[in-house]
Amino acid sequence: AIGAEIVVEADGRRWLGWVNPASSYLSSNDLRAHFGLGDVDRIDGIEVVWPGGDVERFSATNVDQEITLIRGTGSRVKQ
């Protein structure tokens, strides 16, 4: 999902990430979005703006793990 914007909500705060494979000339980056949440122990929710503009929300989960979000499996957010 190159170009997806991801917002992680936890402990009353929000973190924004963007899936972008390149950030400078002749470079390539990891396609995973990584969030450093500090001392947060639970994620309240994740919202993804997919390329094309569809928005989905994914439910709460624990921290310190890799999560694969699949388009169409979250709760669609009306805009």
Protein backbone atom coordinates (compact mmCIF):
# COMPACT_ATOMS: atom_id res chain seq x y z
CA ALA A 1 0.00 0.00 0.00
CA ILE A 2 2.57 2.54 -1.11
CA GLY A 3 1.32 5.99 -0.20
CA ALA A 4 -0.92 4.88 2.67
CA GLU A 5 -1.09 7.22 5.67
CA ILE A 6 -1.33 5.51 9.05
CA VAL A 7 -2.39 7.09 12.33
CA VAL A 8 -1.83 5.16 15.56
CA GLU A 9 -3.85 6.34 18.56
CA ALA A 10 -2.79 5.43 22.10
CA ASP A 11 -2.90 7.00 25.54
CA GLY A 12 -4.62 10.14 24.22
CA ARG A 13 -1.90 10.78 21.62
CA ARG A 14 -1.59 10.26 17.86
CA TRP A 15 1.38 9.18 15.72
CA LEU A 16 1.41 9.61 11.93
CA GLY A 17 3.30 7.36 9.53
CA TRP A 18 3.48 7.18 5.76
CA VAL A 19 4.36 4.16 3.59
CA ASN A 20 7.01 5.59 1.28
CA PRO A 21 9.67 3.38 -0.31
CA ALA A 22 11.92 6.26 -1.37
CA SER A 23 12.98 9.44 0.36
CA SER A 24 15.94 10.61 -1.72
CA TYR A 25 17.73 10.06 -5.02
CA LEU A 26 18.46 6.37 -5.78
CA SER A 27 17.25 5.21 -2.37
CA SER A 28 14.89 2.53 -1.15
CA ASN A 29 13.33 2.22 2.29
CA ASP A 30 11.51 -0.46 4.23
CA LEU A 31 7.82 -0.48 3.29
CA ARG A 32 6.78 -1.17 6.88
CA ALA A 33 5.66 1.79 8.98
CA HIS A 34 7.38 1.74 12.37
CA PHE A 35 6.04 3.65 15.39
CA GLY A 36 8.02 4.31 18.55
CA LEU A 37 5.34 4.70 21.21
CA GLY A 38 7.51 5.14 24.29
CA ASP A 39 5.94 3.78 27.46
CA VAL A 40 2.51 3.12 25.91
CA ASP A 41 1.34 -0.45 26.60
CA ARG A 42 -1.77 -0.65 24.38
CA ILE A 43 -2.86 0.82 21.05
CA ASP A 44 -6.41 2.22 21.14
CA GLY A 45 -6.87 2.08 17.37
CA ILE A 46 -5.23 2.45 13.98
CA GLU A 47 -6.64 4.48 11.11
CA VAL A 48 -5.40 4.04 7.54
CA VAL A 49 -5.98 6.35 4.60
CA TRP A 50 -5.37 4.04 1.65
CA PRO A 51 -4.14 5.30 -1.72
CA GLY A 52 -7.28 6.46 -3.49
CA GLY A 53 -8.77 7.97 -0.33
CA ASP A 54 -10.64 5.10 1.36
CA VAL A 55 -10.32 5.27 5.15
CA GLU A 56 -10.47 2.27 7.49
CA ARG A 57 -10.15 1.91 11.24
CA PHE A 58 -8.64 -1.13 12.92
CA SER A 59 -9.37 -2.10 16.53
CA ALA A 60 -7.20 -1.96 19.62
CA THR A 61 -4.17 -4.18 19.94
CA ASN A 62 -1.08 -4.74 22.05
CA VAL A 63 2.25 -3.02 21.35
CA ASP A 64 5.69 -4.50 20.54
CA GLN A 65 4.58 -6.55 17.57
CA GLU A 66 4.37 -6.46 13.80
CA ILE A 67 0.81 -6.02 12.56
CA THR A 68 -0.32 -6.64 8.99
CA LEU A 69 -3.30 -4.49 8.01
CA ILE A 70 -5.26 -5.77 5.01
CA ARG A 71 -7.35 -3.37 2.99
CA GLY A 72 -11.04 -4.18 3.31
CA THR A 73 -10.78 -5.91 6.69
CA GLY A 74 -11.13 -2.84 8.92
CA SER A 75 -14.19 -0.74 9.71
CA ARG A 76 -14.80 1.72 6.92
CA VAL A 77 -14.81 5.35 8.05
CA LYS A 78 -17.26 7.65 6.24
CA GLN A 79 -15.87 10.95 5.03
